Amino acid sequence: MTRHFGDLRPEFVPLGFLVEEPTHGYELYRRFSETLAGLWRLSESQMYATLKRLEYHGLIESSAPEKGSAASRRVLSPTAGGRRLFDAWLAEPTVCSPRVLRLEFLSRLFFARRMAPDSIAGMFADQRVLVSDALGRLGESRGHDTAGFDVFDLALAFSESQLRSALAWLDADVAPALERDRH
């Protein structure tokens, strides 16, 4: 699965639930609806399309229902490759696009709290460094000529402002929430 800067990766949400516990699609969507639906806007049909993509890429597999079983639902579970990909996603900082940062970083924290709570402090620190470094690089690339109208420089200023806001959000909102959660 190729990643481009700014791409959202909703496939890690159902994959994370399946890493926690293999289940059928309807139950997975129910668990999503009760926990992350306020963050992600995925309809049931989008969830099933995402599951099909995960299966197509060999990241999840389904088992046929047992013969004579009353339930006709296929149980979905991650493959070894799907587990490795999810673990890598959980460990990597989120790209510094504010939209992706809000959705994926919070999703990563959600799963880390449930599966690897000892990793949260490191995740936060890594994310903060990545945003801070991106902000520094952006500031260096901005022009310093204020005499004219420079669309590129204005776009960079907008991005810089967004990253400053993301850094402030990490420090003022996320860090205290994580600290309260530890106690």
N, C-alpha and C. Protein backbone atom coordinates (compact mmCIF):
# COMPACT_ATOMS: atom_id res chain seq x y z
N MET A 1 0.84 -1.17 0.00
CA MET A 1 0.00 0.00 0.00
C MET A 1 0.89 1.23 0.00
N THR A 2 0.83 1.99 -1.05
CA THR A 2 1.68 3.15 -1.21
C THR A 2 1.11 4.33 -0.43
N ARG A 3 2.01 5.11 0.14
CA ARG A 3 1.61 6.27 0.94
C ARG A 3 2.10 7.54 0.27
N HIS A 4 1.23 8.51 0.15
CA HIS A 4 1.59 9.83 -0.32
C HIS A 4 1.32 10.81 0.81
N PHE A 5 2.13 11.86 0.88
CA PHE A 5 1.95 12.84 1.94
C PHE A 5 0.51 13.35 1.93
N GLY A 6 -0.09 13.37 3.08
CA GLY A 6 -1.46 13.87 3.20
C GLY A 6 -2.52 12.81 2.99
N ASP A 7 -2.14 11.60 2.56
CA ASP A 7 -3.12 10.53 2.40
C ASP A 7 -3.62 10.07 3.76
N LEU A 8 -4.89 9.87 3.85
CA LEU A 8 -5.46 9.26 5.06
C LEU A 8 -5.47 7.77 4.87
N ARG A 9 -5.27 7.05 5.95
CA ARG A 9 -5.22 5.60 5.87
C ARG A 9 -6.23 4.99 6.83
N PRO A 10 -7.51 5.03 6.48
CA PRO A 10 -8.51 4.47 7.38
C PRO A 10 -8.39 2.96 7.55
N GLU A 11 -7.65 2.28 6.68
CA GLU A 11 -7.55 0.83 6.77
C GLU A 11 -6.91 0.37 8.08
N PHE A 12 -6.15 1.25 8.73
CA PHE A 12 -5.53 0.85 9.99
C PHE A 12 -6.53 0.78 11.14
N VAL A 13 -7.66 1.43 11.00
CA VAL A 13 -8.68 1.36 12.05
C VAL A 13 -9.28 -0.05 12.13
N PRO A 14 -9.85 -0.58 11.04
CA PRO A 14 -10.36 -1.96 11.16
C PRO A 14 -9.25 -2.97 11.40
N LEU A 15 -8.08 -2.73 10.82
CA LEU A 15 -6.96 -3.65 11.04
C LEU A 15 -6.60 -3.68 12.53
N GLY A 16 -6.61 -2.53 13.18
CA GLY A 16 -6.32 -2.48 14.61
C GLY A 16 -7.33 -3.26 15.43
N PHE A 17 -8.60 -3.11 15.10
CA PHE A 17 -9.63 -3.87 15.83
C PHE A 17 -9.44 -5.37 15.61
N LEU A 18 -9.04 -5.76 14.41
CA LEU A 18 -8.83 -7.19 14.13
C LEU A 18 -7.57 -7.72 14.81
N VAL A 19 -6.56 -6.88 14.96
CA VAL A 19 -5.36 -7.29 15.70
C VAL A 19 -5.75 -7.54 17.15
N GLU A 20 -6.63 -6.69 17.68
CA GLU A 20 -7.11 -6.89 19.06
C GLU A 20 -7.86 -8.21 19.19
N GLU A 21 -8.77 -8.42 18.24
CA GLU A 21 -9.59 -9.63 18.32
C GLU A 21 -10.24 -9.91 16.97
N PRO A 22 -9.94 -11.04 16.36
CA PRO A 22 -10.60 -11.40 15.11
C PRO A 22 -12.12 -11.45 15.30
N THR A 23 -12.84 -11.02 14.31
CA THR A 23 -14.30 -10.99 14.40
C THR A 23 -14.88 -10.88 13.00
N HIS A 24 -16.18 -10.84 12.91
CA HIS A 24 -16.84 -10.66 11.62
C HIS A 24 -17.07 -9.17 11.37
N GLY A 25 -17.37 -8.83 10.14
CA GLY A 25 -17.48 -7.44 9.73
C GLY A 25 -18.49 -6.63 10.50
N TYR A 26 -19.65 -7.19 10.77
CA TYR A 26 -20.68 -6.42 11.47
C TYR A 26 -20.22 -6.07 12.88
N GLU A 27 -19.64 -7.03 13.59
CA GLU A 27 -19.14 -6.79 14.95
C GLU A 27 -18.01 -5.76 14.93
N LEU A 28 -17.16 -5.84 13.94
CA LEU A 28 -16.08 -4.87 13.81
C LEU A 28 -16.65 -3.47 13.62
N TYR A 29 -17.65 -3.34 12.77
CA TYR A 29 -18.26 -2.02 12.56
C TYR A 29 -18.95 -1.53 13.83
N ARG A 30 -19.55 -2.42 14.59
CA ARG A 30 -20.17 -2.04 15.86
C ARG A 30 -19.12 -1.49 16.82
N ARG A 31 -17.99 -2.18 16.94
CA ARG A 31 -16.91 -1.72 17.84
C ARG A 31 -16.38 -0.36 17.38
N PHE A 32 -16.22 -0.20 16.08
CA PHE A 32 -15.80 1.09 15.53
C PHE A 32 -16.82 2.17 15.89
N SER A 33 -18.10 1.89 15.69
CA SER A 33 -19.15 2.87 15.94
C SER A 33 -19.18 3.31 17.40
N GLU A 34 -18.85 2.41 18.29
CA GLU A 34 -18.88 2.73 19.72
C GLU A 34 -17.63 3.46 20.20
N THR A 35 -16.58 3.51 19.39
CA THR A 35 -15.33 4.09 19.87
C THR A 35 -14.78 5.20 18.98
N LEU A 36 -14.56 4.94 17.72
CA LEU A 36 -13.86 5.90 16.86
C LEU A 36 -14.74 6.58 15.81
N ALA A 37 -16.02 6.27 15.80
CA ALA A 37 -16.89 6.87 14.77
C ALA A 37 -16.99 8.38 14.91
N GLY A 38 -16.79 8.91 16.10
CA GLY A 38 -16.81 10.36 16.27
C GLY A 38 -15.59 11.04 15.68
N LEU A 39 -14.54 10.28 15.48
CA LEU A 39 -13.31 10.82 14.90
C LEU A 39 -13.28 10.60 13.39
N TRP A 40 -13.53 9.37 12.96
CA TRP A 40 -13.54 9.01 11.54
C TRP A 40 -14.98 9.01 11.05
N ARG A 41 -15.18 9.39 9.84
CA ARG A 41 -16.51 9.33 9.22
C ARG A 41 -16.49 8.20 8.19
N LEU A 42 -16.73 6.99 8.66
CA LEU A 42 -16.77 5.83 7.78
C LEU A 42 -18.15 5.19 7.87
N SER A 43 -18.81 5.08 6.77
CA SER A 43 -20.10 4.39 6.75
C SER A 43 -19.85 2.89 6.80
N GLU A 44 -20.90 2.15 7.03
CA GLU A 44 -20.76 0.69 7.05
C GLU A 44 -20.27 0.17 5.69
N SER A 45 -20.79 0.75 4.61
CA SER A 45 -20.35 0.29 3.29
C SER A 45 -18.88 0.65 3.05
N GLN A 46 -18.42 1.81 3.53
CA GLN A 46 -17.01 2.16 3.40
C GLN A 46 -16.14 1.20 4.21
N MET A 47 -16.63 0.80 5.39
CA MET A 47 -15.89 -0.14 6.21
C MET A 47 -15.73 -1.47 5.47
N TYR A 48 -16.82 -1.96 4.88
CA TYR A 48 -16.74 -3.23 4.14
C TYR A 48 -15.82 -3.11 2.92
N ALA A 49 -15.84 -1.96 2.25
CA ALA A 49 -14.94 -1.75 1.11
C ALA A 49 -13.48 -1.74 1.60
N THR A 50 -13.24 -1.15 2.75
CA THR A 50 -11.89 -1.14 3.34
C THR A 50 -11.46 -2.56 3.68
N LEU A 51 -12.36 -3.34 4.24
CA LEU A 51 -12.04 -4.74 4.57
C LEU A 51 -11.70 -5.53 3.31
N LYS A 52 -12.44 -5.29 2.24
CA LYS A 52 -12.15 -5.97 0.96
C LYS A 52 -10.75 -5.60 0.47
N ARG A 53 -10.39 -4.32 0.58
CA ARG A 53 -9.05 -3.88 0.18
C ARG A 53 -7.98 -4.56 1.03
N LEU A 54 -8.21 -4.62 2.33
CA LEU A 54 -7.25 -5.28 3.22
C LEU A 54 -7.08 -6.74 2.85
N GLU A 55 -8.19 -7.39 2.52
CA GLU A 55 -8.13 -8.80 2.14
C GLU A 55 -7.42 -8.95 0.78
N TYR A 56 -7.73 -8.08 -0.15
CA TYR A 56 -7.10 -8.10 -1.47
C TYR A 56 -5.57 -7.97 -1.35
N HIS A 57 -5.12 -7.11 -0.44
CA HIS A 57 -3.68 -6.88 -0.25
C HIS A 57 -3.04 -7.92 0.66
N GLY A 58 -3.81 -8.91 1.10
CA GLY A 58 -3.25 -9.98 1.92
C GLY A 58 -2.97 -9.59 3.36
N LEU A 59 -3.64 -8.54 3.84
CA LEU A 59 -3.40 -8.07 5.21
C LEU A 59 -4.38 -8.67 6.21
N ILE A 60 -5.52 -9.12 5.71
CA ILE A 60 -6.47 -9.87 6.54
C ILE A 60 -6.92 -11.09 5.76
N GLU A 61 -7.45 -12.04 6.48
CA GLU A 61 -8.00 -13.23 5.84
C GLU A 61 -9.32 -13.55 6.51
N SER A 62 -10.13 -14.30 5.81
CA SER A 62 -11.42 -14.66 6.39
C SER A 62 -11.54 -16.17 6.41
N SER A 63 -12.21 -16.63 7.43
CA SER A 63 -12.46 -18.07 7.52
C SER A 63 -13.94 -18.31 7.22
N ALA A 64 -14.18 -19.37 6.51
CA ALA A 64 -15.56 -19.74 6.21
C ALA A 64 -16.24 -20.19 7.49
N PRO A 65 -17.53 -19.93 7.61
CA PRO A 65 -18.24 -20.40 8.80
C PRO A 65 -18.20 -21.93 8.89
N GLU A 66 -18.20 -22.44 10.10
CA GLU A 66 -18.19 -23.88 10.29
C GLU A 66 -19.48 -24.48 9.75
N LYS A 67 -19.36 -25.67 9.15
CA LYS A 67 -20.55 -26.34 8.63
C LYS A 67 -21.49 -26.65 9.79
N GLY A 68 -22.76 -26.43 9.55
CA GLY A 68 -23.76 -26.69 10.57
C GLY A 68 -23.88 -25.57 11.58
N SER A 69 -23.06 -24.54 11.45
CA SER A 69 -23.11 -23.41 12.38
C SER A 69 -24.30 -22.54 12.04
N ALA A 70 -24.93 -22.01 13.06
CA ALA A 70 -26.06 -21.12 12.83
C ALA A 70 -25.58 -19.79 12.24
N ALA A 71 -24.39 -19.40 12.60
CA ALA A 71 -23.85 -18.13 12.09
C ALA A 71 -23.26 -18.35 10.70
N SER A 72 -23.59 -17.48 9.78
CA SER A 72 -23.05 -17.61 8.43
C SER A 72 -22.01 -16.53 8.15
N ARG A 73 -21.57 -15.85 9.19
CA ARG A 73 -20.61 -14.77 9.00
C ARG A 73 -19.20 -15.30 8.98
N ARG A 74 -18.40 -14.70 8.10
CA ARG A 74 -16.99 -15.06 8.03
C ARG A 74 -16.23 -14.32 9.12
N VAL A 75 -15.34 -15.01 9.79
CA VAL A 75 -14.52 -14.37 10.81
C VAL A 75 -13.27 -13.82 10.13
N LEU A 76 -13.00 -12.55 10.35
CA LEU A 76 -11.85 -11.88 9.77
C LEU A 76 -10.73 -11.82 10.78
N SER A 77 -9.51 -12.02 10.32
CA SER A 77 -8.36 -11.92 11.22
C SER A 77 -7.17 -11.39 10.42
N PRO A 78 -6.24 -10.75 11.10
CA PRO A 78 -5.07 -10.22 10.39
C PRO A 78 -4.12 -11.34 10.01
N THR A 79 -3.46 -11.20 8.89
CA THR A 79 -2.40 -12.12 8.52
C THR A 79 -1.13 -11.67 9.26
N ALA A 80 -0.09 -12.46 9.18
CA ALA A 80 1.19 -12.06 9.79
C ALA A 80 1.66 -10.74 9.18
N GLY A 81 1.49 -10.60 7.88
CA GLY A 81 1.87 -9.34 7.22
C GLY A 81 1.02 -8.17 7.68
N GLY A 82 -0.26 -8.43 7.89
CA GLY A 82 -1.15 -7.38 8.40
C GLY A 82 -0.76 -6.94 9.79
N ARG A 83 -0.38 -7.89 10.64
CA ARG A 83 0.08 -7.55 12.00
C ARG A 83 1.36 -6.73 11.95
N ARG A 84 2.30 -7.13 11.11
CA ARG A 84 3.55 -6.39 10.99
C ARG A 84 3.30 -4.96 10.49
N LEU A 85 2.42 -4.83 9.49
CA LEU A 85 2.11 -3.50 8.97
C LEU A 85 1.44 -2.64 10.03
N PHE A 86 0.51 -3.23 10.78
CA PHE A 86 -0.16 -2.47 11.84
C PHE A 86 0.85 -2.05 12.91
N ASP A 87 1.71 -2.96 13.33
CA ASP A 87 2.72 -2.63 14.34
C ASP A 87 3.64 -1.50 13.86
N ALA A 88 4.01 -1.54 12.59
CA ALA A 88 4.86 -0.48 12.03
C ALA A 88 4.10 0.85 12.03
N TRP A 89 2.84 0.83 11.65
CA TRP A 89 2.01 2.05 11.65
C TRP A 89 1.90 2.60 13.06
N LEU A 90 1.68 1.73 14.02
CA LEU A 90 1.54 2.15 15.41
C LEU A 90 2.82 2.81 15.91
N ALA A 91 3.96 2.35 15.46
CA ALA A 91 5.25 2.84 15.95
C ALA A 91 5.75 4.09 15.23
N GLU A 92 5.24 4.36 14.02
CA GLU A 92 5.77 5.49 13.26
C GLU A 92 5.01 6.77 13.57
N PRO A 93 5.71 7.91 13.59
CA PRO A 93 4.98 9.18 13.77
C PRO A 93 4.09 9.44 12.55
N THR A 94 3.04 10.18 12.79
CA THR A 94 2.10 10.55 11.73
C THR A 94 2.67 11.71 10.93
N VAL A 95 2.44 11.71 9.63
CA VAL A 95 2.91 12.81 8.79
C VAL A 95 2.33 14.13 9.29
N CYS A 96 3.00 15.20 8.96
CA CYS A 96 2.65 16.52 9.52
C CYS A 96 1.60 17.28 8.74
N SER A 97 0.64 16.61 8.21
CA SER A 97 -0.52 17.26 7.63
C SER A 97 -1.54 17.37 8.77
N PRO A 98 -2.03 18.58 9.09
CA PRO A 98 -2.94 18.71 10.23
C PRO A 98 -4.14 17.76 10.20
N ARG A 99 -4.74 17.57 9.04
CA ARG A 99 -5.90 16.67 8.95
C ARG A 99 -5.50 15.23 9.25
N VAL A 100 -4.40 14.79 8.67
CA VAL A 100 -3.92 13.43 8.91
C VAL A 100 -3.46 13.29 10.35
N LEU A 101 -2.80 14.30 10.85
CA LEU A 101 -2.32 14.28 12.23
C LEU A 101 -3.49 14.09 13.20
N ARG A 102 -4.54 14.85 13.00
CA ARG A 102 -5.70 14.75 13.90
C ARG A 102 -6.31 13.35 13.86
N LEU A 103 -6.51 12.81 12.69
CA LEU A 103 -7.17 11.51 12.58
C LEU A 103 -6.24 10.35 12.94
N GLU A 104 -5.09 10.30 12.30
CA GLU A 104 -4.23 9.14 12.50
C GLU A 104 -3.50 9.14 13.84
N PHE A 105 -2.99 10.29 14.26
CA PHE A 105 -2.27 10.31 15.54
C PHE A 105 -3.21 9.92 16.68
N LEU A 106 -4.42 10.47 16.67
CA LEU A 106 -5.37 10.10 17.72
C LEU A 106 -5.77 8.63 17.61
N SER A 107 -5.89 8.11 16.41
CA SER A 107 -6.19 6.68 16.24
C SER A 107 -5.04 5.83 16.75
N ARG A 108 -3.81 6.24 16.45
CA ARG A 108 -2.66 5.51 16.94
C ARG A 108 -2.63 5.52 18.48
N LEU A 109 -2.92 6.68 19.08
CA LEU A 109 -2.97 6.75 20.55
C LEU A 109 -4.08 5.86 21.10
N PHE A 110 -5.22 5.83 20.42
CA PHE A 110 -6.34 4.99 20.85
C PHE A 110 -5.91 3.53 20.94
N PHE A 111 -5.29 3.03 19.87
CA PHE A 111 -4.87 1.62 19.87
C PHE A 111 -3.69 1.38 20.81
N ALA A 112 -2.77 2.32 20.91
CA ALA A 112 -1.63 2.15 21.81
C ALA A 112 -2.11 2.06 23.26
N ARG A 113 -3.09 2.87 23.64
CA ARG A 113 -3.63 2.79 25.00
C ARG A 113 -4.17 1.41 25.30
N ARG A 114 -4.73 0.76 24.30
CA ARG A 114 -5.36 -0.55 24.50
C ARG A 114 -4.36 -1.70 24.38
N MET A 115 -3.35 -1.53 23.53
CA MET A 115 -2.46 -2.65 23.22
C MET A 115 -1.04 -2.48 23.75
N ALA A 116 -0.56 -1.26 23.80
CA ALA A 116 0.84 -1.02 24.18
C ALA A 116 0.97 0.28 24.96
N PRO A 117 0.34 0.35 26.15
CA PRO A 117 0.33 1.62 26.88
C PRO A 117 1.72 2.16 27.23
N ASP A 118 2.70 1.28 27.35
CA ASP A 118 4.06 1.74 27.66
C ASP A 118 4.70 2.49 26.51
N SER A 119 4.13 2.40 25.34
CA SER A 119 4.71 3.06 24.16
C SER A 119 4.22 4.50 23.98
N ILE A 120 3.23 4.90 24.74
CA ILE A 120 2.57 6.20 24.49
C ILE A 120 3.51 7.38 24.69
N ALA A 121 4.29 7.39 25.73
CA ALA A 121 5.20 8.53 25.97
C ALA A 121 6.17 8.69 24.80
N GLY A 122 6.71 7.58 24.32
CA GLY A 122 7.62 7.64 23.18
C GLY A 122 6.92 8.09 21.91
N MET A 123 5.69 7.61 21.70
CA MET A 123 4.91 8.02 20.53
C MET A 123 4.71 9.52 20.53
N PHE A 124 4.32 10.04 21.71
CA PHE A 124 4.07 11.48 21.83
C PHE A 124 5.36 12.26 21.55
N ALA A 125 6.45 11.84 22.17
CA ALA A 125 7.73 12.54 22.00
C ALA A 125 8.16 12.52 20.53
N ASP A 126 8.06 11.37 19.88
CA ASP A 126 8.43 11.26 18.46
C ASP A 126 7.57 12.17 17.60
N GLN A 127 6.27 12.20 17.89
CA GLN A 127 5.36 13.02 17.09
C GLN A 127 5.67 14.50 17.28
N ARG A 128 5.94 14.88 18.50
CA ARG A 128 6.25 16.28 18.79
C ARG A 128 7.52 16.71 18.06
N VAL A 129 8.55 15.85 18.07
CA VAL A 129 9.80 16.15 17.37
C VAL A 129 9.55 16.28 15.87
N LEU A 130 8.76 15.38 15.30
CA LEU A 130 8.48 15.43 13.86
C LEU A 130 7.78 16.73 13.48
N VAL A 131 6.79 17.14 14.26
CA VAL A 131 6.07 18.38 13.96
C VAL A 131 7.00 19.58 14.14
N SER A 132 7.78 19.57 15.19
CA SER A 132 8.71 20.66 15.46
C SER A 132 9.76 20.79 14.35
N ASP A 133 10.30 19.65 13.91
CA ASP A 133 11.28 19.67 12.82
C ASP A 133 10.65 20.16 11.52
N ALA A 134 9.43 19.71 11.23
CA ALA A 134 8.75 20.16 10.00
C ALA A 134 8.50 21.66 10.06
N LEU A 135 8.16 22.15 11.22
CA LEU A 135 7.93 23.59 11.39
C LEU A 135 9.23 24.36 11.13
N GLY A 136 10.34 23.85 11.65
CA GLY A 136 11.62 24.50 11.41
C GLY A 136 12.01 24.52 9.94
N ARG A 137 11.81 23.39 9.26
CA ARG A 137 12.12 23.33 7.83
C ARG A 137 11.25 24.28 7.02
N LEU A 138 10.00 24.36 7.41
CA LEU A 138 9.08 25.24 6.70
C LEU A 138 9.49 26.70 6.88
N GLY A 139 9.86 27.06 8.10
CA GLY A 139 10.30 28.43 8.36
C GLY A 139 11.54 28.79 7.57
N GLU A 140 12.47 27.84 7.40
CA GLU A 140 13.69 28.08 6.63
C GLU A 140 13.39 28.26 5.15
N SER A 141 12.35 27.62 4.64
CA SER A 141 12.07 27.69 3.21
C SER A 141 11.23 28.90 2.82
N ARG A 142 10.71 29.59 3.79
CA ARG A 142 9.91 30.78 3.47
C ARG A 142 10.79 31.93 3.04
N GLY A 143 10.29 32.70 2.09
CA GLY A 143 11.01 33.89 1.63
C GLY A 143 10.93 34.99 2.68
N HIS A 144 11.81 35.91 2.57
CA HIS A 144 11.82 37.01 3.54
C HIS A 144 11.56 38.34 2.88
N ASP A 145 11.16 38.30 1.62
CA ASP A 145 10.84 39.51 0.88
C ASP A 145 9.37 39.83 1.11
N THR A 146 9.09 40.84 1.88
CA THR A 146 7.70 41.21 2.17
C THR A 146 7.21 42.32 1.26
N ALA A 147 8.01 42.66 0.25
CA ALA A 147 7.65 43.77 -0.62
C ALA A 147 6.55 43.42 -1.61
N GLY A 148 6.41 42.16 -1.97
CA GLY A 148 5.45 41.81 -3.01
C GLY A 148 4.51 40.71 -2.59
N PHE A 149 3.62 40.40 -3.51
CA PHE A 149 2.63 39.35 -3.31
C PHE A 149 3.22 38.05 -3.83
N ASP A 150 3.54 37.12 -2.94
CA ASP A 150 4.15 35.84 -3.32
C ASP A 150 3.22 34.72 -2.87
N VAL A 151 2.49 34.16 -3.82
CA VAL A 151 1.52 33.11 -3.51
C VAL A 151 2.17 31.91 -2.83
N PHE A 152 3.34 31.51 -3.29
CA PHE A 152 4.03 30.37 -2.70
C PHE A 152 4.39 30.66 -1.24
N ASP A 153 4.88 31.85 -0.97
CA ASP A 153 5.24 32.22 0.39
C ASP A 153 4.00 32.29 1.28
N LEU A 154 2.89 32.75 0.75
CA LEU A 154 1.64 32.78 1.52
C LEU A 154 1.15 31.37 1.83
N ALA A 155 1.31 30.46 0.88
CA ALA A 155 0.93 29.06 1.12
C ALA A 155 1.81 28.45 2.21
N LEU A 156 3.10 28.74 2.15
CA LEU A 156 4.00 28.25 3.20
C LEU A 156 3.65 28.85 4.56
N ALA A 157 3.28 30.12 4.57
CA ALA A 157 2.88 30.78 5.82
C ALA A 157 1.64 30.10 6.41
N PHE A 158 0.72 29.72 5.54
CA PHE A 158 -0.48 29.02 5.99
C PHE A 158 -0.10 27.67 6.62
N SER A 159 0.76 26.92 5.93
CA SER A 159 1.20 25.63 6.45
C SER A 159 1.95 25.79 7.77
N GLU A 160 2.78 26.81 7.84
CA GLU A 160 3.53 27.08 9.06
C GLU A 160 2.58 27.37 10.22
N SER A 161 1.56 28.14 9.94
CA SER A 161 0.56 28.46 10.96
C SER A 161 -0.16 27.21 11.44
N GLN A 162 -0.49 26.31 10.50
CA GLN A 162 -1.15 25.06 10.87
C GLN A 162 -0.25 24.20 11.74
N LEU A 163 1.03 24.13 11.40
CA LEU A 163 1.95 23.32 12.19
C LEU A 163 2.18 23.93 13.58
N ARG A 164 2.22 25.26 13.66
CA ARG A 164 2.32 25.90 14.98
C ARG A 164 1.09 25.53 15.82
N SER A 165 -0.06 25.54 15.20
CA SER A 165 -1.29 25.16 15.91
C SER A 165 -1.24 23.69 16.34
N ALA A 166 -0.74 22.82 15.46
CA ALA A 166 -0.63 21.40 15.80
C ALA A 166 0.32 21.20 16.98
N LEU A 167 1.42 21.92 16.99
CA LEU A 167 2.37 21.83 18.10
C LEU A 167 1.73 22.34 19.39
N ALA A 168 1.00 23.44 19.31
CA ALA A 168 0.31 23.97 20.49
C ALA A 168 -0.74 22.97 20.98
N TRP A 169 -1.45 22.32 20.05
CA TRP A 169 -2.44 21.30 20.42
C TRP A 169 -1.77 20.14 21.13
N LEU A 170 -0.64 19.68 20.61
CA LEU A 170 0.08 18.58 21.26
C LEU A 170 0.46 18.96 22.68
N ASP A 171 0.98 20.18 22.86
CA ASP A 171 1.44 20.60 24.19
C ASP A 171 0.31 20.95 25.15
N ALA A 172 -0.70 21.65 24.65
CA ALA A 172 -1.75 22.15 25.54
C ALA A 172 -2.89 21.17 25.77
N ASP A 173 -3.13 20.26 24.82
CA ASP A 173 -4.27 19.36 24.95
C ASP A 173 -3.88 17.89 25.08
N VAL A 174 -3.04 17.43 24.17
CA VAL A 174 -2.70 16.00 24.17
C VAL A 174 -1.83 15.64 25.37
N ALA A 175 -0.76 16.41 25.60
CA ALA A 175 0.15 16.07 26.71
C ALA A 175 -0.57 16.03 28.05
N PRO A 176 -1.39 17.03 28.41
CA PRO A 176 -2.11 16.93 29.69
C PRO A 176 -3.10 15.75 29.74
N ALA A 177 -3.75 15.46 28.62
CA ALA A 177 -4.69 14.32 28.60
C ALA A 177 -3.94 13.01 28.84
N LEU A 178 -2.78 12.88 28.23
CA LEU A 178 -1.98 11.67 28.44
C LEU A 178 -1.48 11.58 29.87
N GLU A 179 -1.13 12.72 30.44
CA GLU A 179 -0.67 12.73 31.83
C GLU A 179 -1.81 12.32 32.77
N ARG A 180 -3.00 12.85 32.54
CA ARG A 180 -4.16 12.47 33.37
C ARG A 180 -4.47 10.99 33.21
N ASP A 181 -4.29 10.47 32.01
CA ASP A 181 -4.58 9.07 31.74
C ASP A 181 -3.61 8.14 32.48
N ARG A 182 -2.39 8.60 32.67
CA ARG A 182 -1.40 7.79 33.37
C ARG A 182 -1.74 7.60 34.85
N HIS A 183 -2.48 8.54 35.39
CA HIS A 183 -2.78 8.50 36.85
C HIS A 183 -4.16 8.01 37.15
